[in-house]
PDB file of N, CA and C in Angstrom:
ATOM      1  N   UNK A   1       1.242   5.300 -12.118  1.00  0.00           N
ATOM      2  CA  UNK A   1       2.324   4.699 -11.358  1.00  0.00           C
ATOM      3  C   UNK A   1       3.476   4.392 -12.308  1.00  0.00           C
ATOM      4  N   UNK A   2       4.666   4.564 -11.843  1.00  0.00           N
ATOM      5  CA  UNK A   2       5.821   4.290 -12.681  1.00  0.00           C
ATOM      6  C   UNK A   2       6.508   3.007 -12.228  1.00  0.00           C
ATOM      7  N   UNK A   3       7.365   2.499 -13.088  1.00  0.00           N
ATOM      8  CA  UNK A   3       8.137   1.298 -12.765  1.00  0.00           C
ATOM      9  C   UNK A   3       9.341   1.682 -11.914  1.00  0.00           C
ATOM     10  N   UNK A   4       9.549   0.954 -10.826  1.00  0.00           N
ATOM     11  CA  UNK A   4      10.704   1.223  -9.966  1.00  0.00           C
ATOM     12  C   UNK A   4      11.997   0.924 -10.713  1.00  0.00           C
ATOM     13  N   UNK A   5      11.936   0.036 -11.689  1.00  0.00           N
ATOM     14  CA  UNK A   5      13.122  -0.304 -12.474  1.00  0.00           C
ATOM     15  C   UNK A   5      13.659   0.887 -13.263  1.00  0.00           C
ATOM     16  N   UNK A   6      12.806   1.897 -13.470  1.00  0.00           N
ATOM     17  CA  UNK A   6      13.230   3.082 -14.214  1.00  0.00           C
ATOM     18  C   UNK A   6      13.993   4.088 -13.353  1.00  0.00           C
ATOM     19  N   UNK A   7      14.025   3.851 -12.044  1.00  0.00           N
ATOM     20  CA  UNK A   7      14.720   4.756 -11.133  1.00  0.00           C
ATOM     21  C   UNK A   7      16.168   4.331 -10.948  1.00  0.00           C
ATOM     22  N   UNK A   8      17.046   5.321 -10.767  1.00  0.00           N
ATOM     23  CA  UNK A   8      18.422   4.987 -10.422  1.00  0.00           C
ATOM     24  C   UNK A   8      18.550   4.928  -8.893  1.00  0.00           C
ATOM     25  N   UNK A   9      19.704   4.565  -8.426  1.00  0.00           N
ATOM     26  CA  UNK A   9      19.929   4.372  -6.995  1.00  0.00           C
ATOM     27  C   UNK A   9      19.629   5.631  -6.185  1.00  0.00           C
ATOM     28  N   UNK A  10      20.060   6.781  -6.655  1.00  0.00           N
ATOM     29  CA  UNK A  10      19.825   8.013  -5.894  1.00  0.00           C
ATOM     30  C   UNK A  10      18.349   8.408  -5.892  1.00  0.00           C
ATOM     31  N   UNK A  11      17.616   8.089  -6.943  1.00  0.00           N
ATOM     32  CA  UNK A  11      16.178   8.372  -6.963  1.00  0.00           C
ATOM     33  C   UNK A  11      15.424   7.471  -5.981  1.00  0.00           C
ATOM     34  N   UNK A  12      15.839   6.228  -5.886  1.00  0.00           N
ATOM     35  CA  UNK A  12      15.235   5.321  -4.903  1.00  0.00           C
ATOM     36  C   UNK A  12      15.539   5.812  -3.492  1.00  0.00           C
ATOM     37  N   UNK A  13      16.780   6.222  -3.256  1.00  0.00           N
ATOM     38  CA  UNK A  13      17.173   6.738  -1.939  1.00  0.00           C
ATOM     39  C   UNK A  13      16.374   7.988  -1.580  1.00  0.00           C
ATOM     40  N   UNK A  14      16.146   8.864  -2.544  1.00  0.00           N
ATOM     41  CA  UNK A  14      15.366  10.083  -2.293  1.00  0.00           C
ATOM     42  C   UNK A  14      13.923   9.742  -1.932  1.00  0.00           C
ATOM     43  N   UNK A  15      13.333   8.775  -2.629  1.00  0.00           N
ATOM     44  CA  UNK A  15      11.982   8.335  -2.296  1.00  0.00           C
ATOM     45  C   UNK A  15      11.935   7.799  -0.866  1.00  0.00           C
ATOM     46  N   UNK A  16      12.914   6.983  -0.514  1.00  0.00           N
ATOM     47  CA  UNK A  16      12.942   6.385   0.822  1.00  0.00           C
ATOM     48  C   UNK A  16      13.108   7.447   1.906  1.00  0.00           C
ATOM     49  N   UNK A  17      13.985   8.427   1.678  1.00  0.00           N
ATOM     50  CA  UNK A  17      14.171   9.510   2.654  1.00  0.00           C
ATOM     51  C   UNK A  17      12.861  10.279   2.844  1.00  0.00           C
ATOM     52  N   UNK A  18      12.190  10.597   1.738  1.00  0.00           N
ATOM     53  CA  UNK A  18      10.917  11.334   1.808  1.00  0.00           C
ATOM     54  C   UNK A  18       9.842  10.538   2.544  1.00  0.00           C
ATOM     55  N   UNK A  19       9.939   9.208   2.483  1.00  0.00           N
ATOM     56  CA  UNK A  19       8.969   8.334   3.155  1.00  0.00           C
ATOM     57  C   UNK A  19       9.371   8.036   4.594  1.00  0.00           C
ATOM     58  N   UNK A  20      10.511   8.579   5.046  1.00  0.00           N
ATOM     59  CA  UNK A  20      10.959   8.356   6.406  1.00  0.00           C
ATOM     60  C   UNK A  20      11.700   7.048   6.616  1.00  0.00           C
ATOM     61  N   UNK A  21      12.124   6.428   5.527  1.00  0.00           N
ATOM     62  CA  UNK A  21      12.878   5.171   5.610  1.00  0.00           C
ATOM     63  C   UNK A  21      14.376   5.468   5.583  1.00  0.00           C
ATOM     64  N   UNK A  22      15.147   4.497   5.996  1.00  0.00           N
ATOM     65  CA  UNK A  22      16.603   4.623   5.982  1.00  0.00           C
ATOM     66  C   UNK A  22      17.108   4.555   4.534  1.00  0.00           C
ATOM     67  N   UNK A  23      17.942   5.511   4.132  1.00  0.00           N
ATOM     68  CA  UNK A  23      18.438   5.535   2.747  1.00  0.00           C
ATOM     69  C   UNK A  23      19.254   4.303   2.344  1.00  0.00           C
ATOM     70  N   UNK A  24      19.877   3.603   3.304  1.00  0.00           N
ATOM     71  CA  UNK A  24      20.670   2.422   2.943  1.00  0.00           C
ATOM     72  C   UNK A  24      19.792   1.331   2.334  1.00  0.00           C
ATOM     73  N   UNK A  25      18.490   1.410   2.569  1.00  0.00           N
ATOM     74  CA  UNK A  25      17.562   0.433   1.985  1.00  0.00           C
ATOM     75  C   UNK A  25      17.587   0.511   0.458  1.00  0.00           C
ATOM     76  N   UNK A  26      17.966   1.660  -0.088  1.00  0.00           N
ATOM     77  CA  UNK A  26      18.019   1.820  -1.545  1.00  0.00           C
ATOM     78  C   UNK A  26      18.972   0.807  -2.172  1.00  0.00           C
ATOM     79  N   UNK A  27      20.112   0.578  -1.552  1.00  0.00           N
ATOM     80  CA  UNK A  27      21.066  -0.396  -2.082  1.00  0.00           C
ATOM     81  C   UNK A  27      20.488  -1.805  -2.027  1.00  0.00           C
ATOM     82  N   UNK A  28      19.741  -2.106  -0.969  1.00  0.00           N
ATOM     83  CA  UNK A  28      19.112  -3.421  -0.871  1.00  0.00           C
ATOM     84  C   UNK A  28      18.079  -3.598  -1.979  1.00  0.00           C
ATOM     85  N   UNK A  29      17.261  -2.588  -2.193  1.00  0.00           N
ATOM     86  CA  UNK A  29      16.238  -2.658  -3.234  1.00  0.00           C
ATOM     87  C   UNK A  29      16.892  -2.777  -4.602  1.00  0.00           C
ATOM     88  N   UNK A  30      17.921  -1.991  -4.831  1.00  0.00           N
ATOM     89  CA  UNK A  30      18.626  -2.020  -6.108  1.00  0.00           C
ATOM     90  C   UNK A  30      19.207  -3.408  -6.381  1.00  0.00           C
ATOM     91  N   UNK A  31      19.750  -4.041  -5.354  1.00  0.00           N
ATOM     92  CA  UNK A  31      20.288  -5.401  -5.505  1.00  0.00           C
ATOM     93  C   UNK A  31      19.182  -6.389  -5.860  1.00  0.00           C
ATOM     94  N   UNK A  32      18.033  -6.246  -5.220  1.00  0.00           N
ATOM     95  CA  UNK A  32      16.903  -7.120  -5.546  1.00  0.00           C
ATOM     96  C   UNK A  32      16.489  -6.941  -7.004  1.00  0.00           C
ATOM     97  N   UNK A  33      16.510  -5.729  -7.485  1.00  0.00           N
ATOM     98  CA  UNK A  33      16.075  -5.448  -8.852  1.00  0.00           C
ATOM     99  C   UNK A  33      17.067  -5.936  -9.896  1.00  0.00           C
ATOM    100  N   UNK A  34      18.345  -5.663  -9.683  1.00  0.00           N
ATOM    101  CA  UNK A  34      19.334  -5.866 -10.741  1.00  0.00           C
ATOM    102  C   UNK A  34      20.256  -7.054 -10.546  1.00  0.00           C
ATOM    103  N   UNK A  35      20.363  -7.585  -9.338  1.00  0.00           N
ATOM    104  CA  UNK A  35      21.198  -8.772  -9.132  1.00  0.00           C
ATOM    105  C   UNK A  35      20.352 -10.025  -8.959  1.00  0.00           C
ATOM    106  N   UNK A  36      19.267  -9.892  -8.216  1.00  0.00           N
ATOM    107  CA  UNK A  36      18.432 -11.058  -7.923  1.00  0.00           C
ATOM    108  C   UNK A  36      17.220 -11.156  -8.841  1.00  0.00           C
ATOM    109  N   UNK A  37      16.921 -10.069  -9.570  1.00  0.00           N
ATOM    110  CA  UNK A  37      15.874 -10.050 -10.592  1.00  0.00           C
ATOM    111  C   UNK A  37      14.535 -10.589 -10.073  1.00  0.00           C
ATOM    112  N   UNK A  38      14.056 -10.030  -8.984  1.00  0.00           N
ATOM    113  CA  UNK A  38      12.803 -10.491  -8.380  1.00  0.00           C
ATOM    114  C   UNK A  38      11.596 -10.136  -9.247  1.00  0.00           C
ATOM    115  N   UNK A  39      10.529 -10.893  -9.067  1.00  0.00           N
ATOM    116  CA  UNK A  39       9.304 -10.685  -9.833  1.00  0.00           C
ATOM    117  C   UNK A  39       8.262  -9.900  -9.044  1.00  0.00           C
ATOM    118  N   UNK A  40       8.470  -9.750  -7.722  1.00  0.00           N
ATOM    119  CA  UNK A  40       7.511  -8.998  -6.908  1.00  0.00           C
ATOM    120  C   UNK A  40       8.231  -8.380  -5.708  1.00  0.00           C
ATOM    121  N   UNK A  41       7.606  -7.348  -5.157  1.00  0.00           N
ATOM    122  CA  UNK A  41       8.175  -6.713  -3.967  1.00  0.00           C
ATOM    123  C   UNK A  41       8.158  -7.666  -2.773  1.00  0.00           C
ATOM    124  N   UNK A  42       7.209  -8.583  -2.753  1.00  0.00           N
ATOM    125  CA  UNK A  42       7.086  -9.502  -1.629  1.00  0.00           C
ATOM    126  C   UNK A  42       8.270 -10.455  -1.523  1.00  0.00           C
ATOM    127  N   UNK A  43       9.024 -10.625  -2.585  1.00  0.00           N
ATOM    128  CA  UNK A  43      10.223 -11.465  -2.566  1.00  0.00           C
ATOM    129  C   UNK A  43      11.409 -10.784  -1.871  1.00  0.00           C
ATOM    130  N   UNK A  44      11.320  -9.504  -1.635  1.00  0.00           N
ATOM    131  CA  UNK A  44      12.423  -8.748  -1.026  1.00  0.00           C
ATOM    132  C   UNK A  44      12.422  -8.991   0.481  1.00  0.00           C
ATOM    133  N   UNK A  45      12.880 -10.163   0.868  1.00  0.00           N
ATOM    134  CA  UNK A  45      12.707 -10.665   2.234  1.00  0.00           C
ATOM    135  C   UNK A  45      13.494  -9.915   3.305  1.00  0.00           C
ATOM    136  N   UNK A  46      14.500  -9.136   2.943  1.00  0.00           N
ATOM    137  CA  UNK A  46      15.230  -8.387   3.970  1.00  0.00           C
ATOM    138  C   UNK A  46      14.640  -6.994   4.197  1.00  0.00           C
ATOM    139  N   UNK A  47      13.495  -6.706   3.571  1.00  0.00           N
ATOM    140  CA  UNK A  47      12.777  -5.456   3.800  1.00  0.00           C
ATOM    141  C   UNK A  47      11.548  -5.755   4.649  1.00  0.00           C
ATOM    142  N   UNK A  48      11.149  -4.792   5.446  1.00  0.00           N
ATOM    143  CA  UNK A  48       9.959  -4.983   6.270  1.00  0.00           C
ATOM    144  C   UNK A  48       8.720  -5.098   5.375  1.00  0.00           C
ATOM    145  N   UNK A  49       7.694  -5.730   5.903  1.00  0.00           N
ATOM    146  CA  UNK A  49       6.440  -5.862   5.170  1.00  0.00           C
ATOM    147  C   UNK A  49       5.869  -4.482   4.865  1.00  0.00           C
ATOM    148  N   UNK A  50       5.981  -3.567   5.824  1.00  0.00           N
ATOM    149  CA  UNK A  50       5.447  -2.216   5.594  1.00  0.00           C
ATOM    150  C   UNK A  50       6.186  -1.509   4.461  1.00  0.00           C
ATOM    151  N   UNK A  51       7.495  -1.694   4.356  1.00  0.00           N
ATOM    152  CA  UNK A  51       8.252  -1.077   3.263  1.00  0.00           C
ATOM    153  C   UNK A  51       7.882  -1.725   1.932  1.00  0.00           C
ATOM    154  N   UNK A  52       7.733  -3.033   1.909  1.00  0.00           N
ATOM    155  CA  UNK A  52       7.326  -3.711   0.673  1.00  0.00           C
ATOM    156  C   UNK A  52       5.952  -3.217   0.224  1.00  0.00           C
ATOM    157  N   UNK A  53       5.056  -3.029   1.179  1.00  0.00           N
ATOM    158  CA  UNK A  53       3.723  -2.519   0.846  1.00  0.00           C
ATOM    159  C   UNK A  53       3.796  -1.082   0.336  1.00  0.00           C
ATOM    160  N   UNK A  54       4.662  -0.273   0.952  1.00  0.00           N
ATOM    161  CA  UNK A  54       4.854   1.106   0.500  1.00  0.00           C
ATOM    162  C   UNK A  54       5.347   1.131  -0.946  1.00  0.00           C
ATOM    163  N   UNK A  55       6.320   0.307  -1.238  1.00  0.00           N
ATOM    164  CA  UNK A  55       6.857   0.242  -2.598  1.00  0.00           C
ATOM    165  C   UNK A  55       5.777  -0.179  -3.591  1.00  0.00           C
ATOM    166  N   UNK A  56       5.003  -1.192  -3.231  1.00  0.00           N
ATOM    167  CA  UNK A  56       3.981  -1.678  -4.164  1.00  0.00           C
ATOM    168  C   UNK A  56       2.830  -0.692  -4.331  1.00  0.00           C
ATOM    169  N   UNK A  57       2.634   0.198  -3.353  1.00  0.00           N
ATOM    170  CA  UNK A  57       1.575   1.199  -3.500  1.00  0.00           C
ATOM    171  C   UNK A  57       2.019   2.396  -4.346  1.00  0.00           C
ATOM    172  N   UNK A  58       3.331   2.538  -4.557  1.00  0.00           N
ATOM    173  CA  UNK A  58       3.846   3.668  -5.346  1.00  0.00           C
ATOM    174  C   UNK A  58       4.442   3.274  -6.696  1.00  0.00           C
ATOM    175  N   UNK A  59       4.841   2.018  -6.832  1.00  0.00           N
ATOM    176  CA  UNK A  59       5.560   1.593  -8.035  1.00  0.00           C
ATOM    177  C   UNK A  59       5.064   0.247  -8.541  1.00  0.00           C
ATOM    178  N   UNK A  60       5.238   0.063  -9.834  1.00  0.00           N
ATOM    179  CA  UNK A  60       5.095  -1.253 -10.448  1.00  0.00           C
ATOM    180  C   UNK A  60       6.501  -1.845 -10.518  1.00  0.00           C
ATOM    181  N   UNK A  61       6.570  -3.146 -10.634  1.00  0.00           N
ATOM    182  CA  UNK A  61       7.849  -3.823 -10.754  1.00  0.00           C
ATOM    183  C   UNK A  61       7.868  -4.557 -12.089  1.00  0.00           C
ATOM    184  N   UNK A  62       8.811  -4.200 -12.922  1.00  0.00           N
ATOM    185  CA  UNK A  62       8.968  -4.858 -14.225  1.00  0.00           C
ATOM    186  C   UNK A  62       9.957  -5.994 -14.040  1.00  0.00           C
ATOM    187  N   UNK A  63       9.456  -7.210 -14.208  1.00  0.00           N
ATOM    188  CA  UNK A  63      10.327  -8.379 -14.103  1.00  0.00           C
ATOM    189  C   UNK A  63      11.005  -8.584 -15.455  1.00  0.00           C
ATOM    190  N   UNK A  64      12.309  -8.610 -15.451  1.00  0.00           N
ATOM    191  CA  UNK A  64      13.069  -8.756 -16.681  1.00  0.00           C
ATOM    192  C   UNK A  64      13.326 -10.218 -16.962  1.00  0.00           C
ATOM    193  N   UNK A  65      13.239 -10.594 -18.226  1.00  0.00           N
ATOM    194  CA  UNK A  65      13.512 -11.975 -18.605  1.00  0.00           C
ATOM    195  C   UNK A  65      14.314 -11.991 -19.903  1.00  0.00           C
ATOM    196  N   UNK A  66      15.017 -13.052 -20.113  1.00  0.00           N
ATOM    197  CA  UNK A  66      15.816 -13.213 -21.330  1.00  0.00           C
ATOM    198  C   UNK A  66      14.897 -13.780 -22.411  1.00  0.00           C
ATOM    199  N   UNK A  67      14.869 -13.126 -23.539  1.00  0.00           N
ATOM    200  CA  UNK A  67      13.958 -13.565 -24.601  1.00  0.00           C
ATOM    201  C   UNK A  67      14.558 -14.641 -25.498  1.00  0.00           C
ATOM    202  N   UNK A  68      15.861 -14.718 -25.551  1.00  0.00           N
ATOM    203  CA  UNK A  68      16.503 -15.757 -26.382  1.00  0.00           C
ATOM    204  C   UNK A  68      17.664 -16.355 -25.648  1.00  0.00           C
TER     205      UNK A  68
END
C-alpha cells in the first residue's frame, strides 16, 4: 500500500474516477491532507463513510508534524 500523501491532485482524481467517485472529491481530499493536516481518513467529515473506507483500504495516511 502506498501513502496517499505521495499522490498529486490529478492522481487522486484518477483513482476516484476509476472507483466511480466524483472527481471533485479529489480537491476535498487534497485540502484535508495539505491544509487541515488530518491524522486519519475518518476525520474527513465531508466525505461519505464508504469513500473514507475505500481510501483507507487502498492507502496509508502519513500525518505530518513539525519536528522543531
